[in-house]
Amino acid sequence: MTVYNLDRADLAVTYDELSDSQFAKGNDLVESLAIQPNNVVLDIGAGTGRLGRKVLATKLGPEGKLIGIDPLPERIRVANEKNTFTNARYQVGSAEDLGFQADASVDVVYLSSVFHWVQDKKQALSEIHRVLKPKGKIGITTGAKELAEITPIRQILKRILAAPKYHGLVNPDDTVSTRQGTTSTELIKLLTDAGFEVERLQVKRNLTRHRNAAVYVDFSESSSFGNYLAHVPADLRPEVRAAYVKALEALDDGRGVEAVNYGISVVARKNDELTTLLAKLLGNAAENPANRARG
């Protein structure tokens, strides 16, 4: 389960400074959504607002509106401190509860490197569907669960945590991906069940470079708001972190540490016809005498 109270002010600041790789993926996602001036855009999991202030606010123009939400108060604090745009606002909030936004009032919703953190994905997609205008778009980038365990860096951490002294204390397979991630097929089904039509889906190999091993771990800890090694008992985390940094240093070729991961990028459109058809089919099934008899 995602824990939000592990975040700290220093982690929020570090993330704002080190999130180049996630910023790049977010920028690609925004481009794929073909956002127009004067659109109303909802950024779920906005973090420190870096993507909004560097890309979206200018793109939307004075008639557009950017609303950024995040469940982490420290991230929203940084976002508001750095926001100089009158067409953008940031507030604490979660994907599962968009009650502050009226029905059919948003043109585009995106979740950049966020969806794997959302605990009730069905509820979140239901809320997103509600606030989107007819034919409104949703964009998501998230990890590809089916490929998460094959990356070299992930294998290094698993080997460290599989050491005999951690047996019974740490589960090496207890990761965000295994607990809350989605495969590309699962994501398509979630979107379709929620009333969206998938327009484009890509599974991509992402390669990022970090200045050194310690910086990579700093980024991992800050981007996970303290959850990266949360499955390790608190008294063991310093030694696990030190062992991890030392092992990763072997990957440094003098130009820093390369990290490979596999991600899903998807764009879907609100499909009101599909929603109506599904509701009708479900209604007919409920009214079927044979189904009532089985109930």
C-alpha atoms as a PDB file:
ATOM      1  CA  MET A   1       0.000   0.000   0.000  1.00  0.00           C
ATOM      2  CA  THR A   2       1.213   3.490  -0.837  1.00  0.00           C
ATOM      3  CA  VAL A   3       2.170   5.463   2.269  1.00  0.00           C
ATOM      4  CA  TYR A   4       1.952   9.243   1.916  1.00  0.00           C
ATOM      5  CA  ASN A   5       3.191  10.320   5.322  1.00  0.00           C
ATOM      6  CA  LEU A   6       6.787   9.303   4.547  1.00  0.00           C
ATOM      7  CA  ASP A   7       7.303  12.402   2.428  1.00  0.00           C
ATOM      8  CA  ARG A   8       9.463  15.243   3.744  1.00  0.00           C
ATOM      9  CA  ALA A   9      10.305  18.781   2.695  1.00  0.00           C
ATOM     10  CA  ASP A  10      13.821  17.754   1.629  1.00  0.00           C
ATOM     11  CA  LEU A  11      12.471  14.906  -0.521  1.00  0.00           C
ATOM     12  CA  ALA A  12      10.111  17.311  -2.297  1.00  0.00           C
ATOM     13  CA  VAL A  13      12.951  19.750  -3.038  1.00  0.00           C
ATOM     14  CA  THR A  14      15.244  16.929  -4.191  1.00  0.00           C
ATOM     15  CA  TYR A  15      12.571  15.592  -6.516  1.00  0.00           C
ATOM     16  CA  ASP A  16      12.054  19.018  -8.086  1.00  0.00           C
ATOM     17  CA  GLU A  17      15.798  19.170  -8.775  1.00  0.00           C
ATOM     18  CA  LEU A  18      16.359  15.576  -9.985  1.00  0.00           C
ATOM     19  CA  SER A  19      13.168  14.695 -11.892  1.00  0.00           C
ATOM     20  CA  ASP A  20      14.570  15.296 -15.387  1.00  0.00           C
ATOM     21  CA  SER A  21      13.681  11.810 -16.633  1.00  0.00           C
ATOM     22  CA  GLN A  22      10.077  12.021 -15.443  1.00  0.00           C
ATOM     23  CA  PHE A  23       9.811  15.566 -16.789  1.00  0.00           C
ATOM     24  CA  ALA A  24      10.902  14.327 -20.232  1.00  0.00           C
ATOM     25  CA  LYS A  25       8.320  11.525 -20.212  1.00  0.00           C
ATOM     26  CA  GLY A  26       5.648  13.977 -19.074  1.00  0.00           C
ATOM     27  CA  ASN A  27       6.552  16.388 -21.855  1.00  0.00           C
ATOM     28  CA  ASP A  28       6.200  13.601 -24.439  1.00  0.00           C
ATOM     29  CA  LEU A  29       2.807  12.693 -22.970  1.00  0.00           C
ATOM     30  CA  VAL A  30       1.587  16.286 -23.128  1.00  0.00           C
ATOM     31  CA  GLU A  31       2.640  16.517 -26.774  1.00  0.00           C
ATOM     32  CA  SER A  32       0.730  13.334 -27.609  1.00  0.00           C
ATOM     33  CA  LEU A  33      -2.461  14.777 -26.088  1.00  0.00           C
ATOM     34  CA  ALA A  34      -2.540  17.708 -28.545  1.00  0.00           C
ATOM     35  CA  ILE A  35      -3.611  20.146 -25.821  1.00  0.00           C
ATOM     36  CA  GLN A  36      -5.022  23.381 -27.209  1.00  0.00           C
ATOM     37  CA  PRO A  37      -4.966  26.971 -25.926  1.00  0.00           C
ATOM     38  CA  ASN A  38      -7.990  27.664 -23.689  1.00  0.00           C
ATOM     39  CA  ASN A  39      -8.358  23.979 -22.730  1.00  0.00           C
ATOM     40  CA  VAL A  40      -9.059  23.080 -19.111  1.00  0.00           C
ATOM     41  CA  VAL A  41      -6.414  20.544 -18.052  1.00  0.00           C
ATOM     42  CA  LEU A  42      -6.269  18.472 -14.872  1.00  0.00           C
ATOM     43  CA  ASP A  43      -2.817  17.241 -13.826  1.00  0.00           C
ATOM     44  CA  ILE A  44      -3.298  14.393 -11.339  1.00  0.00           C
ATOM     45  CA  GLY A  45      -0.169  13.728  -9.317  1.00  0.00           C
ATOM     46  CA  ALA A  46       1.299  17.090 -10.263  1.00  0.00           C
ATOM     47  CA  GLY A  47       4.065  16.788  -7.685  1.00  0.00           C
ATOM     48  CA  THR A  48       6.068  19.990  -7.470  1.00  0.00           C
ATOM     49  CA  GLY A  49       4.378  21.404 -10.590  1.00  0.00           C
ATOM     50  CA  ARG A  50       7.504  21.346 -12.755  1.00  0.00           C
ATOM     51  CA  LEU A  51       5.749  20.111 -15.906  1.00  0.00           C
ATOM     52  CA  GLY A  52       2.935  22.606 -15.472  1.00  0.00           C
ATOM     53  CA  ARG A  53       5.074  25.677 -14.993  1.00  0.00           C
ATOM     54  CA  LYS A  54       7.608  24.795 -17.703  1.00  0.00           C
ATOM     55  CA  VAL A  55       5.258  23.471 -20.392  1.00  0.00           C
ATOM     56  CA  LEU A  56       1.511  23.535 -19.772  1.00  0.00           C
ATOM     57  CA  ALA A  57       0.775  26.995 -18.425  1.00  0.00           C
ATOM     58  CA  THR A  58       2.344  28.710 -21.433  1.00  0.00           C
ATOM     59  CA  LYS A  59       0.774  26.261 -23.894  1.00  0.00           C
ATOM     60  CA  LEU A  60      -2.713  26.904 -22.479  1.00  0.00           C
ATOM     61  CA  GLY A  61      -2.503  30.678 -22.740  1.00  0.00           C
ATOM     62  CA  PRO A  62      -4.463  33.214 -20.689  1.00  0.00           C
ATOM     63  CA  GLU A  63      -7.833  31.654 -21.550  1.00  0.00           C
ATOM     64  CA  GLY A  64      -6.835  28.136 -20.533  1.00  0.00           C
ATOM     65  CA  LYS A  65      -6.692  26.644 -17.073  1.00  0.00           C
ATOM     66  CA  LEU A  66      -4.365  24.159 -15.410  1.00  0.00           C
ATOM     67  CA  ILE A  67      -5.412  22.464 -12.185  1.00  0.00           C
ATOM     68  CA  GLY A  68      -2.740  20.410 -10.485  1.00  0.00           C
ATOM     69  CA  ILE A  69      -3.468  18.088  -7.570  1.00  0.00           C
ATOM     70  CA  ASP A  70      -1.270  15.844  -5.466  1.00  0.00           C
ATOM     71  CA  PRO A  71      -1.872  14.033  -2.153  1.00  0.00           C
ATOM     72  CA  LEU A  72       1.494  15.251  -0.811  1.00  0.00           C
ATOM     73  CA  PRO A  73       1.301  18.675   0.909  1.00  0.00           C
ATOM     74  CA  GLU A  74       5.064  19.260   0.662  1.00  0.00           C
ATOM     75  CA  ARG A  75       4.971  18.822  -3.123  1.00  0.00           C
ATOM     76  CA  ILE A  76       2.032  21.197  -3.440  1.00  0.00           C
ATOM     77  CA  ARG A  77       3.838  23.725  -1.246  1.00  0.00           C
ATOM     78  CA  VAL A  78       6.794  23.731  -3.661  1.00  0.00           C
ATOM     79  CA  ALA A  79       4.441  23.927  -6.657  1.00  0.00           C
ATOM     80  CA  ASN A  80       2.673  26.988  -5.276  1.00  0.00           C
ATOM     81  CA  GLU A  81       5.923  28.679  -4.246  1.00  0.00           C
ATOM     82  CA  LYS A  82       7.299  28.322  -7.789  1.00  0.00           C
ATOM     83  CA  ASN A  83       4.093  28.991  -9.707  1.00  0.00           C
ATOM     84  CA  THR A  84       4.020  32.424 -11.355  1.00  0.00           C
ATOM     85  CA  PHE A  85       1.107  31.758 -13.725  1.00  0.00           C
ATOM     86  CA  THR A  86      -2.381  33.094 -13.088  1.00  0.00           C
ATOM     87  CA  ASN A  87      -3.934  30.337 -15.231  1.00  0.00           C
ATOM     88  CA  ALA A  88      -2.515  27.552 -13.007  1.00  0.00           C
ATOM     89  CA  ARG A  89      -3.416  26.484  -9.495  1.00  0.00           C
ATOM     90  CA  TYR A  90      -2.225  23.639  -7.287  1.00  0.00           C
ATOM     91  CA  GLN A  91      -4.005  21.977  -4.389  1.00  0.00           C
ATOM     92  CA  VAL A  92      -3.833  18.863  -2.253  1.00  0.00           C
ATOM     93  CA  GLY A  93      -6.088  16.154  -3.651  1.00  0.00           C
ATOM     94  CA  SER A  94      -6.312  12.543  -4.771  1.00  0.00           C
ATOM     95  CA  ALA A  95      -7.240  10.835  -8.018  1.00  0.00           C
ATOM     96  CA  GLU A  96     -10.046   8.942  -6.308  1.00  0.00           C
ATOM     97  CA  ASP A  97     -11.893  12.081  -5.195  1.00  0.00           C
ATOM     98  CA  LEU A  98     -12.328  14.883  -7.744  1.00  0.00           C
ATOM     99  CA  GLY A  99     -15.366  16.326  -5.982  1.00  0.00           C
ATOM    100  CA  PHE A 100     -13.993  19.849  -6.370  1.00  0.00           C
ATOM    101  CA  GLN A 101     -14.550  19.606 -10.146  1.00  0.00           C
ATOM    102  CA  ALA A 102     -17.954  19.700 -11.862  1.00  0.00           C
ATOM    103  CA  ASP A 103     -19.192  17.031 -14.260  1.00  0.00           C
ATOM    104  CA  ALA A 104     -18.012  17.403 -17.871  1.00  0.00           C
ATOM    105  CA  SER A 105     -15.827  20.424 -17.093  1.00  0.00           C
ATOM    106  CA  VAL A 106     -12.329  19.277 -18.158  1.00  0.00           C
ATOM    107  CA  ASP A 107     -10.868  18.818 -21.656  1.00  0.00           C
ATOM    108  CA  VAL A 108      -7.788  16.757 -20.777  1.00  0.00           C
ATOM    109  CA  VAL A 109      -6.648  14.763 -17.746  1.00  0.00           C
ATOM    110  CA  TYR A 110      -3.186  13.314 -17.468  1.00  0.00           C
ATOM    111  CA  LEU A 111      -1.279  11.223 -14.926  1.00  0.00           C
ATOM    112  CA  SER A 112       2.440  11.368 -15.645  1.00  0.00           C
ATOM    113  CA  SER A 113       4.423   8.667 -13.788  1.00  0.00           C
ATOM    114  CA  VAL A 114       1.570   8.473 -11.299  1.00  0.00           C
ATOM    115  CA  PHE A 115      -0.932   5.704 -12.067  1.00  0.00           C
ATOM    116  CA  HIS A 116       1.061   2.971 -10.289  1.00  0.00           C
ATOM    117  CA  TRP A 117       0.698   4.971  -7.059  1.00  0.00           C
ATOM    118  CA  VAL A 118      -3.108   5.191  -7.315  1.00  0.00           C
ATOM    119  CA  GLN A 119      -4.611   2.630  -4.957  1.00  0.00           C
ATOM    120  CA  ASP A 120      -8.229   2.491  -6.181  1.00  0.00           C
ATOM    121  CA  LYS A 121      -7.726   2.681  -9.919  1.00  0.00           C
ATOM    122  CA  LYS A 122     -11.343   1.905 -10.815  1.00  0.00           C
ATOM    123  CA  GLN A 123     -12.631   4.710  -8.606  1.00  0.00           C
ATOM    124  CA  ALA A 124     -10.038   7.124  -9.992  1.00  0.00           C
ATOM    125  CA  LEU A 125     -10.961   6.342 -13.608  1.00  0.00           C
ATOM    126  CA  SER A 126     -14.655   6.679 -12.764  1.00  0.00           C
ATOM    127  CA  GLU A 127     -14.010  10.142 -11.336  1.00  0.00           C
ATOM    128  CA  ILE A 128     -11.882  11.125 -14.344  1.00  0.00           C
ATOM    129  CA  HIS A 129     -14.605   9.943 -16.709  1.00  0.00           C
ATOM    130  CA  ARG A 130     -17.139  12.042 -14.787  1.00  0.00           C
ATOM    131  CA  VAL A 131     -15.204  15.318 -14.974  1.00  0.00           C
ATOM    132  CA  LEU A 132     -14.144  14.965 -18.610  1.00  0.00           C
ATOM    133  CA  LYS A 133     -16.172  16.653 -21.313  1.00  0.00           C
ATOM    134  CA  PRO A 134     -17.628  14.475 -24.089  1.00  0.00           C
ATOM    135  CA  LYS A 135     -14.717  13.152 -26.192  1.00  0.00           C
ATOM    136  CA  GLY A 136     -12.275  14.470 -23.565  1.00  0.00           C
ATOM    137  CA  LYS A 137      -8.883  12.781 -23.377  1.00  0.00           C
ATOM    138  CA  ILE A 138      -6.888  11.005 -20.686  1.00  0.00           C
ATOM    139  CA  GLY A 139      -3.147  10.404 -20.894  1.00  0.00           C
ATOM    140  CA  ILE A 140      -1.169   8.052 -18.673  1.00  0.00           C
ATOM    141  CA  THR A 141       2.475   7.079 -18.342  1.00  0.00           C
ATOM    142  CA  THR A 142       3.262   4.308 -15.881  1.00  0.00           C
ATOM    143  CA  GLY A 143       5.580   1.370 -15.411  1.00  0.00           C
ATOM    144  CA  ALA A 144       5.018  -1.821 -17.399  1.00  0.00           C
ATOM    145  CA  LYS A 145       4.453  -4.402 -14.673  1.00  0.00           C
ATOM    146  CA  GLU A 146       5.156  -7.326 -16.980  1.00  0.00           C
ATOM    147  CA  LEU A 147       8.703  -6.037 -17.561  1.00  0.00           C
ATOM    148  CA  ALA A 148       9.534  -4.438 -14.220  1.00  0.00           C
ATOM    149  CA  GLU A 149      11.604  -7.264 -12.796  1.00  0.00           C
ATOM    150  CA  ILE A 150      13.992  -7.727 -15.728  1.00  0.00           C
ATOM    151  CA  THR A 151      15.929  -4.458 -15.438  1.00  0.00           C
ATOM    152  CA  PRO A 152      19.553  -4.700 -14.215  1.00  0.00           C
ATOM    153  CA  ILE A 153      19.096  -2.143 -11.440  1.00  0.00           C
ATOM    154  CA  ARG A 154      16.050  -3.937 -10.090  1.00  0.00           C
ATOM    155  CA  GLN A 155      17.957  -7.234 -10.114  1.00  0.00           C
ATOM    156  CA  ILE A 156      20.822  -5.664  -8.128  1.00  0.00           C
ATOM    157  CA  LEU A 157      18.477  -4.531  -5.347  1.00  0.00           C
ATOM    158  CA  LYS A 158      16.759  -7.936  -5.277  1.00  0.00           C
ATOM    159  CA  ARG A 159      20.123  -9.700  -4.866  1.00  0.00           C
ATOM    160  CA  ILE A 160      21.029  -7.446  -1.951  1.00  0.00           C
ATOM    161  CA  LEU A 161      17.705  -8.039  -0.206  1.00  0.00           C
ATOM    162  CA  ALA A 162      17.927 -11.789  -0.829  1.00  0.00           C
ATOM    163  CA  ALA A 163      21.008 -12.048   1.441  1.00  0.00           C
ATOM    164  CA  PRO A 164      20.538 -14.581   4.277  1.00  0.00           C
ATOM    165  CA  LYS A 165      20.662 -11.899   6.976  1.00  0.00           C
ATOM    166  CA  TYR A 166      17.479 -10.339   5.569  1.00  0.00           C
ATOM    167  CA  HIS A 167      15.497 -13.595   5.375  1.00  0.00           C
ATOM    168  CA  GLY A 168      12.219 -13.223   7.212  1.00  0.00           C
ATOM    169  CA  LEU A 169      12.769  -9.475   7.535  1.00  0.00           C
ATOM    170  CA  VAL A 170      12.465  -8.245   3.952  1.00  0.00           C
ATOM    171  CA  ASN A 171      10.532  -9.523   0.958  1.00  0.00           C
ATOM    172  CA  PRO A 172      12.686  -8.661  -2.111  1.00  0.00           C
ATOM    173  CA  ASP A 173       9.616  -8.864  -4.352  1.00  0.00           C
ATOM    174  CA  ASP A 174       7.608  -6.352  -2.333  1.00  0.00           C
ATOM    175  CA  THR A 175       7.702  -3.409  -4.745  1.00  0.00           C
ATOM    176  CA  VAL A 176       5.246  -0.788  -5.937  1.00  0.00           C
ATOM    177  CA  SER A 177       5.136  -2.542  -9.303  1.00  0.00           C
ATOM    178  CA  THR A 178       4.214  -5.934  -7.879  1.00  0.00           C
ATOM    179  CA  ARG A 179       1.683  -4.480  -5.442  1.00  0.00           C
ATOM    180  CA  GLN A 180       0.008  -1.778  -7.489  1.00  0.00           C
ATOM    181  CA  GLY A 181       1.378  -1.802 -11.034  1.00  0.00           C
ATOM    182  CA  THR A 182      -0.530  -2.791 -14.161  1.00  0.00           C
ATOM    183  CA  THR A 183       0.401  -4.685 -17.279  1.00  0.00           C
ATOM    184  CA  SER A 184      -0.475  -3.070 -20.602  1.00  0.00           C
ATOM    185  CA  THR A 185      -3.380  -5.512 -20.992  1.00  0.00           C
ATOM    186  CA  GLU A 186      -4.691  -4.735 -17.509  1.00  0.00           C
ATOM    187  CA  LEU A 187      -4.496  -1.018 -18.221  1.00  0.00           C
ATOM    188  CA  ILE A 188      -6.468  -1.352 -21.456  1.00  0.00           C
ATOM    189  CA  LYS A 189      -9.175  -3.299 -19.623  1.00  0.00           C
ATOM    190  CA  LEU A 190      -9.353  -0.768 -16.793  1.00  0.00           C
ATOM    191  CA  LEU A 191      -9.779   2.069 -19.274  1.00  0.00           C
ATOM    192  CA  THR A 192     -12.348   0.224 -21.392  1.00  0.00           C
ATOM    193  CA  ASP A 193     -14.392  -0.796 -18.346  1.00  0.00           C
ATOM    194  CA  ALA A 194     -14.406   2.846 -17.227  1.00  0.00           C
ATOM    195  CA  GLY A 195     -15.859   4.025 -20.553  1.00  0.00           C
ATOM    196  CA  PHE A 196     -12.729   5.036 -22.461  1.00  0.00           C
ATOM    197  CA  GLU A 197     -11.618   4.107 -25.961  1.00  0.00           C
ATOM    198  CA  VAL A 198      -7.868   3.583 -26.220  1.00  0.00           C
ATOM    199  CA  GLU A 199      -6.449   5.548 -29.143  1.00  0.00           C
ATOM    200  CA  ARG A 200      -2.773   4.776 -28.693  1.00  0.00           C
ATOM    201  CA  LEU A 201      -0.680   2.588 -26.420  1.00  0.00           C
ATOM    202  CA  GLN A 202       3.077   2.092 -26.465  1.00  0.00           C
ATOM    203  CA  VAL A 203       5.391   0.027 -24.308  1.00  0.00           C
ATOM    204  CA  LYS A 204       8.704   1.827 -24.347  1.00  0.00           C
ATOM    205  CA  ARG A 205      12.239   1.135 -23.142  1.00  0.00           C
ATOM    206  CA  ASN A 206      13.369   4.210 -21.228  1.00  0.00           C
ATOM    207  CA  LEU A 207      17.054   4.902 -20.664  1.00  0.00           C
ATOM    208  CA  THR A 208      18.094   7.592 -18.204  1.00  0.00           C
ATOM    209  CA  ARG A 209      21.510   8.656 -16.959  1.00  0.00           C
ATOM    210  CA  HIS A 210      22.224   9.870 -13.430  1.00  0.00           C
ATOM    211  CA  ARG A 211      25.331  11.709 -12.252  1.00  0.00           C
ATOM    212  CA  ASN A 212      26.387   8.905  -9.926  1.00  0.00           C
ATOM    213  CA  ALA A 213      24.973   5.997  -7.926  1.00  0.00           C
ATOM    214  CA  ALA A 214      24.051   8.098  -4.894  1.00  0.00           C
ATOM    215  CA  VAL A 215      22.159  10.574  -7.079  1.00  0.00           C
ATOM    216  CA  TYR A 216      20.205   7.718  -8.661  1.00  0.00           C
ATOM    217  CA  VAL A 217      19.151   6.447  -5.226  1.00  0.00           C
ATOM    218  CA  ASP A 218      18.330  10.014  -4.123  1.00  0.00           C
ATOM    219  CA  PHE A 219      16.080  10.345  -7.172  1.00  0.00           C
ATOM    220  CA  SER A 220      14.428   6.975  -6.486  1.00  0.00           C
ATOM    221  CA  GLU A 221      13.745   7.892  -2.858  1.00  0.00           C
ATOM    222  CA  SER A 222      12.439  11.365  -3.676  1.00  0.00           C
ATOM    223  CA  SER A 223      10.258  10.277  -6.610  1.00  0.00           C
ATOM    224  CA  SER A 224       8.678   7.612  -4.403  1.00  0.00           C
ATOM    225  CA  PHE A 225       8.208  10.138  -1.552  1.00  0.00           C
ATOM    226  CA  GLY A 226      10.024   7.864   0.871  1.00  0.00           C
ATOM    227  CA  ASN A 227       8.473   4.579  -0.271  1.00  0.00           C
ATOM    228  CA  TYR A 228      11.445   3.243  -2.250  1.00  0.00           C
ATOM    229  CA  LEU A 229      12.923   1.212   0.632  1.00  0.00           C
ATOM    230  CA  ALA A 230       9.864   1.350   2.869  1.00  0.00           C
ATOM    231  CA  HIS A 231       9.550  -2.458   2.728  1.00  0.00           C
ATOM    232  CA  VAL A 232      12.880  -2.645   4.566  1.00  0.00           C
ATOM    233  CA  PRO A 233      12.710  -2.261   8.382  1.00  0.00           C
ATOM    234  CA  ALA A 234      13.748   1.274   9.352  1.00  0.00           C
ATOM    235  CA  ASP A 235      16.817   0.150  11.296  1.00  0.00           C
ATOM    236  CA  LEU A 236      18.140  -1.732   8.248  1.00  0.00           C
ATOM    237  CA  ARG A 237      17.537   0.949   5.612  1.00  0.00           C
ATOM    238  CA  PRO A 238      20.863   2.816   6.033  1.00  0.00           C
ATOM    239  CA  GLU A 239      22.932  -0.352   5.472  1.00  0.00           C
ATOM    240  CA  VAL A 240      20.740  -1.496   2.561  1.00  0.00           C
ATOM    241  CA  ARG A 241      21.028   1.924   0.959  1.00  0.00           C
ATOM    242  CA  ALA A 242      24.817   1.930   1.388  1.00  0.00           C
ATOM    243  CA  ALA A 243      25.112  -1.565  -0.102  1.00  0.00           C
ATOM    244  CA  TYR A 244      22.873  -0.570  -3.008  1.00  0.00           C
ATOM    245  CA  VAL A 245      24.888   2.565  -3.776  1.00  0.00           C
ATOM    246  CA  LYS A 246      28.130   0.559  -3.668  1.00  0.00           C
ATOM    247  CA  ALA A 247      26.736  -2.096  -6.023  1.00  0.00           C
ATOM    248  CA  LEU A 248      25.439   0.523  -8.453  1.00  0.00           C
ATOM    249  CA  GLU A 249      28.843   2.198  -8.585  1.00  0.00           C
ATOM    250  CA  ALA A 250      30.020  -0.778 -10.633  1.00  0.00           C
ATOM    251  CA  LEU A 251      27.671   0.416 -13.404  1.00  0.00           C
ATOM    252  CA  ASP A 252      29.283   3.863 -13.540  1.00  0.00           C
ATOM    253  CA  ASP A 253      31.315   4.072 -16.752  1.00  0.00           C
ATOM    254  CA  GLY A 254      32.708   7.496 -15.930  1.00  0.00           C
ATOM    255  CA  ARG A 255      29.644   9.212 -17.346  1.00  0.00           C
ATOM    256  CA  GLY A 256      27.300   8.310 -14.509  1.00  0.00           C
ATOM    257  CA  VAL A 257      24.845   5.471 -13.928  1.00  0.00           C
ATOM    258  CA  GLU A 258      22.452   4.354 -16.663  1.00  0.00           C
ATOM    259  CA  ALA A 259      19.029   3.162 -15.568  1.00  0.00           C
ATOM    260  CA  VAL A 260      16.718   1.176 -17.827  1.00  0.00           C
ATOM    261  CA  ASN A 261      13.014   0.767 -17.239  1.00  0.00           C
ATOM    262  CA  TYR A 262      10.018  -0.150 -19.331  1.00  0.00           C
ATOM    263  CA  GLY A 263       7.001   2.114 -19.334  1.00  0.00           C
ATOM    264  CA  ILE A 264       3.518   2.288 -20.802  1.00  0.00           C
ATOM    265  CA  SER A 265       2.267   5.434 -22.508  1.00  0.00           C
ATOM    266  CA  VAL A 266      -1.420   5.525 -23.337  1.00  0.00           C
ATOM    267  CA  VAL A 267      -3.895   8.055 -24.694  1.00  0.00           C
ATOM    268  CA  ALA A 268      -7.611   7.317 -24.515  1.00  0.00           C
ATOM    269  CA  ARG A 269     -10.807   9.225 -25.225  1.00  0.00           C
ATOM    270  CA  LYS A 270     -14.004   9.385 -23.225  1.00  0.00           C
ATOM    271  CA  ASN A 271     -16.496   7.273 -25.160  1.00  0.00           C
ATOM    272  CA  ASP A 272     -20.027   8.156 -24.116  1.00  0.00           C
ATOM    273  CA  GLU A 273     -21.543   5.775 -26.645  1.00  0.00           C
ATOM    274  CA  LEU A 274     -19.603   2.885 -25.119  1.00  0.00           C
ATOM    275  CA  THR A 275     -20.639   3.906 -21.611  1.00  0.00           C
ATOM    276  CA  THR A 276     -24.303   4.031 -22.633  1.00  0.00           C
ATOM    277  CA  LEU A 277     -24.059   0.650 -24.378  1.00  0.00           C
ATOM    278  CA  LEU A 278     -22.379  -0.993 -21.376  1.00  0.00           C
ATOM    279  CA  ALA A 279     -24.988   0.434 -19.009  1.00  0.00           C
ATOM    280  CA  LYS A 280     -27.737  -0.858 -21.277  1.00  0.00           C
ATOM    281  CA  LEU A 281     -26.181  -4.318 -21.524  1.00  0.00           C
ATOM    282  CA  LEU A 282     -25.674  -4.504 -17.763  1.00  0.00           C
ATOM    283  CA  GLY A 283     -29.243  -3.351 -17.215  1.00  0.00           C
ATOM    284  CA  ASN A 284     -30.600  -5.967 -19.582  1.00  0.00           C
ATOM    285  CA  ALA A 285     -28.546  -8.654 -17.868  1.00  0.00           C
ATOM    286  CA  ALA A 286     -29.918  -7.651 -14.468  1.00  0.00           C
ATOM    287  CA  GLU A 287     -33.490  -7.747 -15.789  1.00  0.00           C
ATOM    288  CA  ASN A 288     -33.062 -11.171 -17.417  1.00  0.00           C
ATOM    289  CA  PRO A 289     -35.359 -13.632 -15.537  1.00  0.00           C
ATOM    290  CA  ALA A 290     -32.676 -16.329 -15.664  1.00  0.00           C
ATOM    291  CA  ASN A 291     -30.202 -14.012 -13.950  1.00  0.00           C
ATOM    292  CA  ARG A 292     -32.771 -13.062 -11.323  1.00  0.00           C
ATOM    293  CA  ALA A 293     -33.413 -16.751 -10.678  1.00  0.00           C
ATOM    294  CA  ARG A 294     -29.703 -17.415 -10.199  1.00  0.00           C
ATOM    295  CA  GLY A 295     -29.501 -14.446  -7.809  1.00  0.00           C
END
